[in-house]
Amino acid sequence: MIQIKNISLSYEKELVLDNISCDIPNGQNICFWGPSGSGKSSLLKLLMGFEIPDSGEIIIDNIRVNDENINEIRKKLAWIPQNINLPVNNTKELIELLYLDKRQQQNFNNYITKLKLDESLLSKDFQEISGGQKQRIVIAAVLSLDKPVLLMDEPTSALDADSVDSLINLILKNSDLTVISASHDKKWADANDLILQLDKS
């Protein structure tokens, strides 16, 4: 269970999140939905401990998110930001960066197939492939880490309609995962169990 309790956040006195609360049961999917500037990405960053709220608290599996506990909490969380800038040039280096073992590498290959990616892409540098292809490779790699909670910021931003369908089938229909995302994509949002509507403060 993830509990977001009365969270407020400001940047330079500009209120971004105002007294936001919700509960996310294990195995449920929730999409943070709202216009640009409504705090969707900020709420994800609060869950990861990248930001500190002005007030309120976040509790993940009965552990409060704070500086003391954040390393333990992050063992449960997989994070895919909107802008994927990694210190690697290709898939081989990505797998080495994430320390995927043989079982995880097999899972990675399975995810690649389910996301309808040609295996020939895996031998190419990231600069040689499209943004959507790179995005799906990174998603497959992060999924292979086998963490119970997946946080995704605009996961469909670089994907075409068929790729969005593949991602929905792979991720949102996986009953073992708790998926928390921020998105402008109505199709993606509607495929979630829950939608948290955020408005500009």
N, C-alpha and C. Protein backbone atom coordinates (compact mmCIF):
# COMPACT_ATOMS: atom_id res chain seq x y z
N MET A 1 0.83 -1.20 0.00
CA MET A 1 0.00 0.00 0.00
C MET A 1 0.87 1.25 0.00
N ILE A 2 0.54 2.18 -0.88
CA ILE A 2 1.20 3.48 -0.91
C ILE A 2 0.18 4.53 -0.48
N GLN A 3 0.54 5.33 0.50
CA GLN A 3 -0.36 6.35 1.02
C GLN A 3 0.24 7.74 0.81
N ILE A 4 -0.50 8.56 0.13
CA ILE A 4 -0.13 9.96 -0.07
C ILE A 4 -1.06 10.77 0.81
N LYS A 5 -0.51 11.44 1.81
CA LYS A 5 -1.34 12.07 2.84
C LYS A 5 -1.11 13.58 2.89
N ASN A 6 -2.09 14.32 2.42
CA ASN A 6 -2.13 15.79 2.58
C ASN A 6 -0.85 16.47 2.11
N ILE A 7 -0.40 16.08 0.91
CA ILE A 7 0.85 16.59 0.37
C ILE A 7 0.66 17.97 -0.25
N SER A 8 1.50 18.90 0.16
CA SER A 8 1.58 20.22 -0.47
C SER A 8 3.03 20.49 -0.84
N LEU A 9 3.21 21.17 -1.98
CA LEU A 9 4.56 21.46 -2.47
C LEU A 9 4.55 22.78 -3.21
N SER A 10 5.57 23.59 -2.93
CA SER A 10 5.72 24.87 -3.62
C SER A 10 7.12 24.98 -4.19
N TYR A 11 7.23 25.71 -5.30
CA TYR A 11 8.52 26.08 -5.87
C TYR A 11 8.59 27.60 -5.89
N GLU A 12 9.55 28.15 -5.14
CA GLU A 12 9.73 29.61 -5.08
C GLU A 12 8.39 30.31 -4.83
N LYS A 13 7.69 29.84 -3.81
CA LYS A 13 6.42 30.39 -3.34
C LYS A 13 5.25 30.14 -4.29
N GLU A 14 5.48 29.44 -5.39
CA GLU A 14 4.38 29.08 -6.29
C GLU A 14 3.85 27.70 -5.88
N LEU A 15 2.58 27.63 -5.50
CA LEU A 15 1.98 26.39 -5.03
C LEU A 15 1.78 25.44 -6.21
N VAL A 16 2.37 24.25 -6.11
CA VAL A 16 2.27 23.26 -7.19
C VAL A 16 1.28 22.15 -6.82
N LEU A 17 1.35 21.66 -5.60
CA LEU A 17 0.43 20.64 -5.09
C LEU A 17 -0.19 21.16 -3.80
N ASP A 18 -1.50 21.03 -3.71
CA ASP A 18 -2.21 21.61 -2.56
C ASP A 18 -3.06 20.54 -1.86
N ASN A 19 -2.50 20.00 -0.77
CA ASN A 19 -3.24 19.08 0.09
C ASN A 19 -3.76 17.85 -0.67
N ILE A 20 -2.85 17.17 -1.37
CA ILE A 20 -3.20 16.00 -2.19
C ILE A 20 -3.13 14.73 -1.34
N SER A 21 -4.17 13.91 -1.44
CA SER A 21 -4.21 12.63 -0.72
C SER A 21 -4.77 11.54 -1.62
N CYS A 22 -4.21 10.35 -1.52
CA CYS A 22 -4.80 9.17 -2.15
C CYS A 22 -4.10 7.91 -1.63
N ASP A 23 -4.78 6.79 -1.69
CA ASP A 23 -4.22 5.49 -1.34
C ASP A 23 -4.12 4.64 -2.60
N ILE A 24 -2.99 3.96 -2.76
CA ILE A 24 -2.76 3.10 -3.92
C ILE A 24 -2.50 1.69 -3.42
N PRO A 25 -3.48 0.78 -3.52
CA PRO A 25 -3.28 -0.59 -3.06
C PRO A 25 -2.22 -1.30 -3.91
N ASN A 26 -1.55 -2.27 -3.32
CA ASN A 26 -0.58 -3.07 -4.06
C ASN A 26 -1.25 -3.74 -5.26
N GLY A 27 -0.57 -3.71 -6.39
CA GLY A 27 -1.09 -4.34 -7.59
C GLY A 27 -2.06 -3.48 -8.38
N GLN A 28 -2.33 -2.26 -7.91
CA GLN A 28 -3.22 -1.34 -8.63
C GLN A 28 -2.40 -0.38 -9.49
N ASN A 29 -3.03 0.15 -10.54
CA ASN A 29 -2.39 1.12 -11.41
C ASN A 29 -3.11 2.45 -11.27
N ILE A 30 -2.34 3.52 -11.15
CA ILE A 30 -2.93 4.84 -11.04
C ILE A 30 -2.21 5.81 -11.97
N CYS A 31 -2.98 6.66 -12.63
CA CYS A 31 -2.42 7.68 -13.50
C CYS A 31 -2.70 9.05 -12.91
N PHE A 32 -1.64 9.84 -12.74
CA PHE A 32 -1.80 11.24 -12.36
C PHE A 32 -2.12 12.03 -13.63
N TRP A 33 -3.27 12.66 -13.66
CA TRP A 33 -3.81 13.27 -14.88
C TRP A 33 -4.07 14.74 -14.64
N GLY A 34 -3.68 15.59 -15.60
CA GLY A 34 -3.94 17.01 -15.46
C GLY A 34 -3.12 17.80 -16.44
N PRO A 35 -3.36 19.10 -16.54
CA PRO A 35 -2.62 19.93 -17.49
C PRO A 35 -1.17 20.11 -17.08
N SER A 36 -0.37 20.62 -18.00
CA SER A 36 1.02 20.94 -17.68
C SER A 36 1.05 21.94 -16.52
N GLY A 37 1.95 21.70 -15.58
CA GLY A 37 2.05 22.58 -14.43
C GLY A 37 1.16 22.20 -13.27
N SER A 38 0.44 21.07 -13.40
CA SER A 38 -0.47 20.67 -12.32
C SER A 38 0.21 19.83 -11.25
N GLY A 39 1.49 19.50 -11.45
CA GLY A 39 2.25 18.81 -10.41
C GLY A 39 2.36 17.31 -10.59
N LYS A 40 2.01 16.79 -11.77
CA LYS A 40 2.07 15.34 -11.99
C LYS A 40 3.49 14.79 -11.80
N SER A 41 4.44 15.40 -12.49
CA SER A 41 5.83 14.93 -12.38
C SER A 41 6.39 15.18 -10.99
N SER A 42 5.99 16.28 -10.38
CA SER A 42 6.47 16.59 -9.03
C SER A 42 6.01 15.53 -8.04
N LEU A 43 4.80 15.04 -8.21
CA LEU A 43 4.29 14.01 -7.30
C LEU A 43 5.08 12.72 -7.45
N LEU A 44 5.45 12.37 -8.67
CA LEU A 44 6.32 11.20 -8.87
C LEU A 44 7.67 11.40 -8.18
N LYS A 45 8.23 12.60 -8.31
CA LYS A 45 9.53 12.88 -7.70
C LYS A 45 9.45 12.83 -6.18
N LEU A 46 8.31 13.23 -5.62
CA LEU A 46 8.12 13.11 -4.17
C LEU A 46 8.12 11.64 -3.75
N LEU A 47 7.49 10.79 -4.54
CA LEU A 47 7.46 9.36 -4.23
C LEU A 47 8.87 8.77 -4.25
N MET A 48 9.70 9.26 -5.16
CA MET A 48 11.08 8.77 -5.26
C MET A 48 12.01 9.41 -4.23
N GLY A 49 11.52 10.43 -3.55
CA GLY A 49 12.37 11.13 -2.60
C GLY A 49 13.29 12.14 -3.24
N PHE A 50 13.05 12.49 -4.50
CA PHE A 50 13.85 13.52 -5.17
C PHE A 50 13.44 14.92 -4.72
N GLU A 51 12.21 15.05 -4.25
CA GLU A 51 11.70 16.32 -3.73
C GLU A 51 11.19 16.08 -2.30
N ILE A 52 11.15 17.15 -1.52
CA ILE A 52 10.65 17.08 -0.14
C ILE A 52 9.40 17.96 -0.06
N PRO A 53 8.28 17.43 0.42
CA PRO A 53 7.05 18.24 0.48
C PRO A 53 7.13 19.33 1.53
N ASP A 54 6.36 20.39 1.31
CA ASP A 54 6.25 21.43 2.33
C ASP A 54 5.47 20.91 3.54
N SER A 55 4.48 20.07 3.27
CA SER A 55 3.69 19.47 4.35
C SER A 55 3.11 18.15 3.85
N GLY A 56 2.66 17.33 4.80
CA GLY A 56 2.13 16.01 4.46
C GLY A 56 3.21 14.95 4.45
N GLU A 57 2.82 13.73 4.13
CA GLU A 57 3.78 12.62 4.13
C GLU A 57 3.37 11.56 3.12
N ILE A 58 4.36 10.78 2.71
CA ILE A 58 4.14 9.63 1.83
C ILE A 58 4.65 8.40 2.56
N ILE A 59 3.82 7.35 2.58
CA ILE A 59 4.17 6.11 3.27
C ILE A 59 4.08 4.97 2.27
N ILE A 60 5.16 4.21 2.13
CA ILE A 60 5.22 3.08 1.21
C ILE A 60 5.48 1.82 2.02
N ASP A 61 4.53 0.90 1.99
CA ASP A 61 4.64 -0.34 2.78
C ASP A 61 5.00 -0.05 4.23
N ASN A 62 4.28 0.89 4.80
CA ASN A 62 4.41 1.27 6.21
C ASN A 62 5.73 1.96 6.54
N ILE A 63 6.45 2.41 5.52
CA ILE A 63 7.71 3.13 5.74
C ILE A 63 7.54 4.55 5.20
N ARG A 64 7.81 5.52 6.05
CA ARG A 64 7.67 6.91 5.63
C ARG A 64 8.83 7.32 4.72
N VAL A 65 8.50 8.01 3.63
CA VAL A 65 9.53 8.50 2.71
C VAL A 65 10.23 9.70 3.36
N ASN A 66 11.50 9.51 3.70
CA ASN A 66 12.32 10.61 4.22
C ASN A 66 13.79 10.27 3.96
N ASP A 67 14.67 11.18 4.31
CA ASP A 67 16.10 10.98 4.03
C ASP A 67 16.64 9.73 4.70
N GLU A 68 16.12 9.42 5.87
CA GLU A 68 16.62 8.26 6.62
C GLU A 68 16.23 6.94 5.96
N ASN A 69 15.04 6.89 5.36
CA ASN A 69 14.52 5.63 4.83
C ASN A 69 14.57 5.50 3.32
N ILE A 70 15.02 6.55 2.61
CA ILE A 70 14.84 6.56 1.16
C ILE A 70 15.59 5.44 0.45
N ASN A 71 16.77 5.06 0.92
CA ASN A 71 17.51 4.00 0.24
C ASN A 71 16.77 2.67 0.34
N GLU A 72 16.17 2.39 1.48
CA GLU A 72 15.39 1.18 1.64
C GLU A 72 14.15 1.20 0.74
N ILE A 73 13.51 2.36 0.67
CA ILE A 73 12.30 2.49 -0.15
C ILE A 73 12.62 2.32 -1.63
N ARG A 74 13.73 2.89 -2.07
CA ARG A 74 14.07 2.82 -3.50
C ARG A 74 14.37 1.40 -3.96
N LYS A 75 14.65 0.49 -3.05
CA LYS A 75 14.82 -0.91 -3.43
C LYS A 75 13.53 -1.49 -3.97
N LYS A 76 12.39 -0.86 -3.63
CA LYS A 76 11.09 -1.34 -4.07
C LYS A 76 10.62 -0.65 -5.35
N LEU A 77 11.30 0.44 -5.74
CA LEU A 77 10.81 1.31 -6.79
C LEU A 77 11.68 1.26 -8.04
N ALA A 78 11.04 1.21 -9.19
CA ALA A 78 11.72 1.38 -10.48
C ALA A 78 11.23 2.68 -11.09
N TRP A 79 12.14 3.47 -11.62
CA TRP A 79 11.83 4.84 -12.04
C TRP A 79 12.19 5.03 -13.51
N ILE A 80 11.21 5.48 -14.32
CA ILE A 80 11.46 5.78 -15.72
C ILE A 80 11.05 7.24 -15.95
N PRO A 81 12.01 8.16 -16.04
CA PRO A 81 11.68 9.57 -16.23
C PRO A 81 11.20 9.85 -17.65
N GLN A 82 10.67 11.05 -17.86
CA GLN A 82 10.19 11.42 -19.18
C GLN A 82 11.36 11.58 -20.15
N ASN A 83 12.38 12.28 -19.72
CA ASN A 83 13.55 12.50 -20.56
C ASN A 83 14.65 11.52 -20.15
N ILE A 84 14.85 10.52 -20.98
CA ILE A 84 15.77 9.44 -20.63
C ILE A 84 17.16 9.78 -21.14
N ASN A 85 17.99 10.30 -20.25
CA ASN A 85 19.37 10.61 -20.58
C ASN A 85 20.27 9.72 -19.74
N LEU A 86 20.76 8.67 -20.36
CA LEU A 86 21.55 7.68 -19.63
C LEU A 86 23.02 7.78 -20.01
N PRO A 87 23.91 7.43 -19.08
CA PRO A 87 25.35 7.47 -19.36
C PRO A 87 25.82 6.23 -20.12
N VAL A 88 25.01 5.80 -21.08
CA VAL A 88 25.35 4.62 -21.90
C VAL A 88 24.99 4.92 -23.35
N ASN A 89 25.60 4.19 -24.26
CA ASN A 89 25.41 4.44 -25.69
C ASN A 89 24.57 3.38 -26.39
N ASN A 90 24.38 2.23 -25.74
CA ASN A 90 23.68 1.15 -26.42
C ASN A 90 23.09 0.18 -25.39
N THR A 91 22.39 -0.83 -25.89
CA THR A 91 21.69 -1.77 -25.01
C THR A 91 22.66 -2.58 -24.16
N LYS A 92 23.77 -3.01 -24.73
CA LYS A 92 24.75 -3.80 -23.98
C LYS A 92 25.24 -3.02 -22.76
N GLU A 93 25.54 -1.74 -22.96
CA GLU A 93 26.01 -0.92 -21.85
C GLU A 93 24.90 -0.68 -20.83
N LEU A 94 23.65 -0.59 -21.30
CA LEU A 94 22.52 -0.42 -20.39
C LEU A 94 22.36 -1.64 -19.49
N ILE A 95 22.47 -2.83 -20.05
CA ILE A 95 22.35 -4.06 -19.27
C ILE A 95 23.47 -4.15 -18.24
N GLU A 96 24.68 -3.73 -18.63
CA GLU A 96 25.80 -3.73 -17.69
C GLU A 96 25.58 -2.70 -16.58
N LEU A 97 25.04 -1.54 -16.94
CA LEU A 97 24.78 -0.49 -15.96
C LEU A 97 23.80 -0.95 -14.89
N LEU A 98 22.79 -1.72 -15.30
CA LEU A 98 21.75 -2.18 -14.38
C LEU A 98 22.11 -3.50 -13.69
N TYR A 99 23.26 -4.06 -14.04
CA TYR A 99 23.72 -5.32 -13.44
C TYR A 99 22.67 -6.44 -13.57
N LEU A 100 22.09 -6.57 -14.76
CA LEU A 100 21.11 -7.62 -14.95
C LEU A 100 21.79 -8.99 -14.96
N ASP A 101 21.26 -9.92 -14.15
CA ASP A 101 21.81 -11.27 -14.16
C ASP A 101 21.20 -12.06 -15.32
N LYS A 102 21.55 -13.33 -15.43
CA LYS A 102 21.11 -14.11 -16.60
C LYS A 102 19.59 -14.23 -16.66
N ARG A 103 18.96 -14.44 -15.51
CA ARG A 103 17.50 -14.56 -15.49
C ARG A 103 16.86 -13.24 -15.88
N GLN A 104 17.39 -12.15 -15.39
CA GLN A 104 16.85 -10.84 -15.72
C GLN A 104 17.08 -10.51 -17.19
N GLN A 105 18.21 -10.96 -17.73
CA GLN A 105 18.46 -10.73 -19.16
C GLN A 105 17.47 -11.52 -20.02
N GLN A 106 17.10 -12.71 -19.57
CA GLN A 106 16.09 -13.49 -20.29
C GLN A 106 14.74 -12.78 -20.23
N ASN A 107 14.42 -12.25 -19.06
CA ASN A 107 13.18 -11.47 -18.93
C ASN A 107 13.22 -10.25 -19.84
N PHE A 108 14.38 -9.61 -19.91
CA PHE A 108 14.53 -8.45 -20.79
C PHE A 108 14.23 -8.83 -22.24
N ASN A 109 14.76 -9.94 -22.68
CA ASN A 109 14.52 -10.39 -24.06
C ASN A 109 13.03 -10.67 -24.29
N ASN A 110 12.37 -11.23 -23.28
CA ASN A 110 10.93 -11.49 -23.40
C ASN A 110 10.15 -10.17 -23.50
N TYR A 111 10.54 -9.19 -22.70
CA TYR A 111 9.86 -7.90 -22.74
C TYR A 111 10.08 -7.20 -24.09
N ILE A 112 11.28 -7.35 -24.63
CA ILE A 112 11.57 -6.77 -25.94
C ILE A 112 10.60 -7.32 -26.99
N THR A 113 10.38 -8.62 -26.94
CA THR A 113 9.45 -9.25 -27.88
C THR A 113 8.03 -8.74 -27.67
N LYS A 114 7.61 -8.65 -26.42
CA LYS A 114 6.24 -8.21 -26.12
C LYS A 114 6.00 -6.75 -26.48
N LEU A 115 7.07 -5.97 -26.50
CA LEU A 115 6.96 -4.57 -26.90
C LEU A 115 7.19 -4.38 -28.40
N LYS A 116 7.24 -5.48 -29.11
CA LYS A 116 7.30 -5.49 -30.58
C LYS A 116 8.52 -4.76 -31.12
N LEU A 117 9.65 -5.04 -30.48
CA LEU A 117 10.92 -4.49 -30.94
C LEU A 117 11.73 -5.56 -31.66
N ASP A 118 12.33 -5.21 -32.76
CA ASP A 118 13.18 -6.13 -33.50
C ASP A 118 14.50 -6.29 -32.76
N GLU A 119 14.95 -7.52 -32.60
CA GLU A 119 16.19 -7.77 -31.85
C GLU A 119 17.41 -7.11 -32.50
N SER A 120 17.33 -6.81 -33.79
CA SER A 120 18.46 -6.16 -34.47
C SER A 120 18.75 -4.78 -33.90
N LEU A 121 17.72 -4.17 -33.28
CA LEU A 121 17.90 -2.84 -32.68
C LEU A 121 18.85 -2.88 -31.49
N LEU A 122 18.96 -4.05 -30.85
CA LEU A 122 19.73 -4.15 -29.63
C LEU A 122 21.23 -4.01 -29.86
N SER A 123 21.66 -4.19 -31.09
CA SER A 123 23.08 -4.07 -31.40
C SER A 123 23.45 -2.67 -31.91
N LYS A 124 22.46 -1.79 -31.99
CA LYS A 124 22.71 -0.44 -32.51
C LYS A 124 22.91 0.55 -31.38
N ASP A 125 23.68 1.60 -31.67
CA ASP A 125 23.80 2.69 -30.71
C ASP A 125 22.47 3.41 -30.60
N PHE A 126 22.21 3.98 -29.43
CA PHE A 126 20.94 4.67 -29.21
C PHE A 126 20.73 5.83 -30.18
N GLN A 127 21.81 6.45 -30.63
CA GLN A 127 21.67 7.57 -31.56
C GLN A 127 21.22 7.12 -32.94
N GLU A 128 21.27 5.81 -33.19
CA GLU A 128 20.87 5.28 -34.49
C GLU A 128 19.41 4.84 -34.53
N ILE A 129 18.73 4.86 -33.39
CA ILE A 129 17.35 4.39 -33.34
C ILE A 129 16.43 5.53 -32.91
N SER A 130 15.13 5.32 -33.07
CA SER A 130 14.17 6.39 -32.76
C SER A 130 14.01 6.55 -31.25
N GLY A 131 13.42 7.69 -30.87
CA GLY A 131 13.16 7.94 -29.46
C GLY A 131 12.20 6.92 -28.86
N GLY A 132 11.20 6.51 -29.65
CA GLY A 132 10.25 5.52 -29.18
C GLY A 132 10.87 4.16 -28.98
N GLN A 133 11.79 3.79 -29.87
CA GLN A 133 12.48 2.50 -29.73
C GLN A 133 13.38 2.51 -28.50
N LYS A 134 14.10 3.60 -28.29
CA LYS A 134 14.95 3.71 -27.11
C LYS A 134 14.10 3.66 -25.85
N GLN A 135 12.95 4.35 -25.86
CA GLN A 135 12.07 4.38 -24.70
C GLN A 135 11.62 2.98 -24.33
N ARG A 136 11.24 2.18 -25.33
CA ARG A 136 10.77 0.82 -25.06
C ARG A 136 11.91 -0.09 -24.60
N ILE A 137 13.12 0.11 -25.11
CA ILE A 137 14.26 -0.68 -24.64
C ILE A 137 14.53 -0.39 -23.16
N VAL A 138 14.48 0.89 -22.79
CA VAL A 138 14.71 1.27 -21.40
C VAL A 138 13.61 0.71 -20.50
N ILE A 139 12.36 0.78 -20.96
CA ILE A 139 11.25 0.22 -20.18
C ILE A 139 11.45 -1.28 -19.97
N ALA A 140 11.83 -2.00 -21.02
CA ALA A 140 12.07 -3.44 -20.90
C ALA A 140 13.18 -3.73 -19.90
N ALA A 141 14.24 -2.93 -19.93
CA ALA A 141 15.37 -3.14 -19.01
C ALA A 141 14.97 -2.87 -17.57
N VAL A 142 14.22 -1.79 -17.35
CA VAL A 142 13.82 -1.44 -15.99
C VAL A 142 12.83 -2.47 -15.44
N LEU A 143 11.92 -2.94 -16.28
CA LEU A 143 11.00 -4.00 -15.85
C LEU A 143 11.75 -5.26 -15.41
N SER A 144 12.87 -5.52 -16.05
CA SER A 144 13.65 -6.72 -15.75
C SER A 144 14.28 -6.69 -14.36
N LEU A 145 14.28 -5.52 -13.73
CA LEU A 145 14.83 -5.41 -12.37
C LEU A 145 13.92 -6.06 -11.33
N ASP A 146 12.68 -6.39 -11.75
CA ASP A 146 11.73 -7.12 -10.89
C ASP A 146 11.37 -6.36 -9.61
N LYS A 147 11.23 -5.06 -9.71
CA LYS A 147 10.81 -4.29 -8.54
C LYS A 147 9.28 -4.21 -8.52
N PRO A 148 8.69 -4.18 -7.33
CA PRO A 148 7.23 -4.29 -7.24
C PRO A 148 6.47 -3.03 -7.62
N VAL A 149 7.16 -1.86 -7.61
CA VAL A 149 6.48 -0.60 -7.92
C VAL A 149 7.21 0.08 -9.07
N LEU A 150 6.44 0.46 -10.09
CA LEU A 150 7.01 1.11 -11.27
C LEU A 150 6.45 2.52 -11.38
N LEU A 151 7.36 3.52 -11.41
CA LEU A 151 6.98 4.91 -11.58
C LEU A 151 7.38 5.36 -12.98
N MET A 152 6.42 5.94 -13.72
CA MET A 152 6.67 6.30 -15.12
C MET A 152 6.15 7.71 -15.39
N ASP A 153 7.02 8.56 -15.92
CA ASP A 153 6.63 9.92 -16.26
C ASP A 153 6.44 10.01 -17.78
N GLU A 154 5.20 10.25 -18.21
CA GLU A 154 4.83 10.33 -19.63
C GLU A 154 5.37 9.12 -20.40
N PRO A 155 4.94 7.90 -20.04
CA PRO A 155 5.53 6.69 -20.64
C PRO A 155 5.22 6.51 -22.11
N THR A 156 4.21 7.20 -22.63
CA THR A 156 3.83 7.01 -24.04
C THR A 156 4.22 8.19 -24.91
N SER A 157 5.01 9.12 -24.38
CA SER A 157 5.26 10.39 -25.08
C SER A 157 5.91 10.20 -26.45
N ALA A 158 6.71 9.15 -26.63
CA ALA A 158 7.42 8.94 -27.90
C ALA A 158 6.88 7.74 -28.68
N LEU A 159 5.71 7.23 -28.27
CA LEU A 159 5.20 5.99 -28.86
C LEU A 159 4.04 6.23 -29.81
N ASP A 160 3.96 5.39 -30.86
CA ASP A 160 2.80 5.43 -31.74
C ASP A 160 1.68 4.60 -31.12
N ALA A 161 0.52 4.59 -31.77
CA ALA A 161 -0.67 3.96 -31.20
C ALA A 161 -0.47 2.47 -30.94
N ASP A 162 0.15 1.75 -31.88
CA ASP A 162 0.37 0.31 -31.70
C ASP A 162 1.31 0.04 -30.51
N SER A 163 2.32 0.88 -30.37
CA SER A 163 3.27 0.71 -29.27
C SER A 163 2.62 1.00 -27.93
N VAL A 164 1.70 1.97 -27.91
CA VAL A 164 0.95 2.26 -26.68
C VAL A 164 0.13 1.04 -26.28
N ASP A 165 -0.52 0.40 -27.24
CA ASP A 165 -1.31 -0.80 -26.96
C ASP A 165 -0.43 -1.90 -26.37
N SER A 166 0.76 -2.09 -26.95
CA SER A 166 1.68 -3.12 -26.45
C SER A 166 2.11 -2.82 -25.02
N LEU A 167 2.36 -1.55 -24.74
CA LEU A 167 2.79 -1.16 -23.40
C LEU A 167 1.67 -1.36 -22.38
N ILE A 168 0.45 -1.02 -22.76
CA ILE A 168 -0.70 -1.23 -21.88
C ILE A 168 -0.86 -2.71 -21.56
N ASN A 169 -0.77 -3.54 -22.59
CA ASN A 169 -0.94 -4.98 -22.38
C ASN A 169 0.16 -5.56 -21.50
N LEU A 170 1.37 -5.06 -21.65
CA LEU A 170 2.49 -5.60 -20.89
C LEU A 170 2.49 -5.13 -19.45
N ILE A 171 2.22 -3.85 -19.24
CA ILE A 171 2.41 -3.25 -17.91
C ILE A 171 1.12 -3.15 -17.11
N LEU A 172 0.10 -2.55 -17.68
CA LEU A 172 -1.11 -2.28 -16.90
C LEU A 172 -1.94 -3.52 -16.67
N LYS A 173 -1.69 -4.58 -17.43
CA LYS A 173 -2.43 -5.83 -17.22
C LYS A 173 -1.60 -6.85 -16.45
N ASN A 174 -0.51 -6.39 -15.84
CA ASN A 174 0.34 -7.23 -15.00
C ASN A 174 -0.12 -7.06 -13.55
N SER A 175 -0.80 -8.06 -13.03
CA SER A 175 -1.42 -7.93 -11.71
C SER A 175 -0.40 -7.89 -10.57
N ASP A 176 0.86 -8.23 -10.85
CA ASP A 176 1.87 -8.23 -9.80
C ASP A 176 2.49 -6.84 -9.57
N LEU A 177 2.34 -5.96 -10.55
CA LEU A 177 2.97 -4.66 -10.48
C LEU A 177 2.03 -3.59 -9.92
N THR A 178 2.60 -2.67 -9.17
CA THR A 178 1.91 -1.43 -8.85
C THR A 178 2.52 -0.37 -9.76
N VAL A 179 1.71 0.20 -10.64
CA VAL A 179 2.21 1.15 -11.63
C VAL A 179 1.63 2.54 -11.33
N ILE A 180 2.54 3.51 -11.18
CA ILE A 180 2.14 4.88 -10.91
C ILE A 180 2.73 5.74 -12.02
N SER A 181 1.87 6.41 -12.77
CA SER A 181 2.34 7.15 -13.93
C SER A 181 1.75 8.55 -13.97
N ALA A 182 2.43 9.41 -14.70
CA ALA A 182 1.91 10.74 -15.02
C ALA A 182 1.80 10.80 -16.54
N SER A 183 0.65 11.22 -17.03
CA SER A 183 0.45 11.16 -18.48
C SER A 183 -0.57 12.17 -18.97
N HIS A 184 -0.39 12.59 -20.23
CA HIS A 184 -1.38 13.38 -20.95
C HIS A 184 -2.20 12.50 -21.90
N ASP A 185 -1.82 11.21 -22.00
CA ASP A 185 -2.41 10.30 -22.97
C ASP A 185 -3.71 9.71 -22.42
N LYS A 186 -4.84 10.08 -23.02
CA LYS A 186 -6.14 9.64 -22.50
C LYS A 186 -6.29 8.12 -22.59
N LYS A 187 -5.79 7.53 -23.67
CA LYS A 187 -5.90 6.07 -23.82
C LYS A 187 -5.15 5.37 -22.70
N TRP A 188 -3.96 5.84 -22.41
CA TRP A 188 -3.17 5.27 -21.31
C TRP A 188 -3.88 5.48 -19.97
N ALA A 189 -4.34 6.70 -19.74
CA ALA A 189 -4.99 7.01 -18.47
C ALA A 189 -6.22 6.14 -18.26
N ASP A 190 -7.04 5.99 -19.29
CA ASP A 190 -8.27 5.22 -19.17
C ASP A 190 -8.02 3.74 -18.92
N ALA A 191 -6.83 3.26 -19.27
CA ALA A 191 -6.50 1.84 -19.07
C ALA A 191 -6.08 1.54 -17.63
N ASN A 192 -5.90 2.58 -16.82
CA ASN A 192 -5.50 2.41 -15.42
C ASN A 192 -6.70 2.08 -14.55
N ASP A 193 -6.41 1.48 -13.39
CA ASP A 193 -7.47 1.20 -12.41
C ASP A 193 -8.00 2.48 -11.79
N LEU A 194 -7.09 3.44 -11.57
CA LEU A 194 -7.43 4.68 -10.87
C LEU A 194 -6.84 5.87 -11.63
N ILE A 195 -7.53 7.00 -11.55
CA ILE A 195 -7.01 8.25 -12.09
C ILE A 195 -7.09 9.30 -10.99
N LEU A 196 -5.97 9.96 -10.74
CA LEU A 196 -5.94 11.07 -9.79
C LEU A 196 -5.89 12.36 -10.59
N GLN A 197 -7.00 13.11 -10.58
CA GLN A 197 -7.09 14.36 -11.32
C GLN A 197 -6.38 15.47 -10.55
N LEU A 198 -5.40 16.08 -11.24
CA LEU A 198 -4.68 17.20 -10.64
C LEU A 198 -4.96 18.46 -11.46
N ASP A 199 -5.19 19.55 -10.80
CA ASP A 199 -5.45 20.83 -11.45
C ASP A 199 -4.40 21.83 -11.03
N LYS A 200 -4.19 22.81 -11.86
CA LYS A 200 -3.24 23.86 -11.51
C LYS A 200 -3.73 24.58 -10.26
N SER A 201 -2.81 24.75 -9.31
CA SER A 201 -3.18 25.40 -8.05
C SER A 201 -3.31 26.90 -8.25
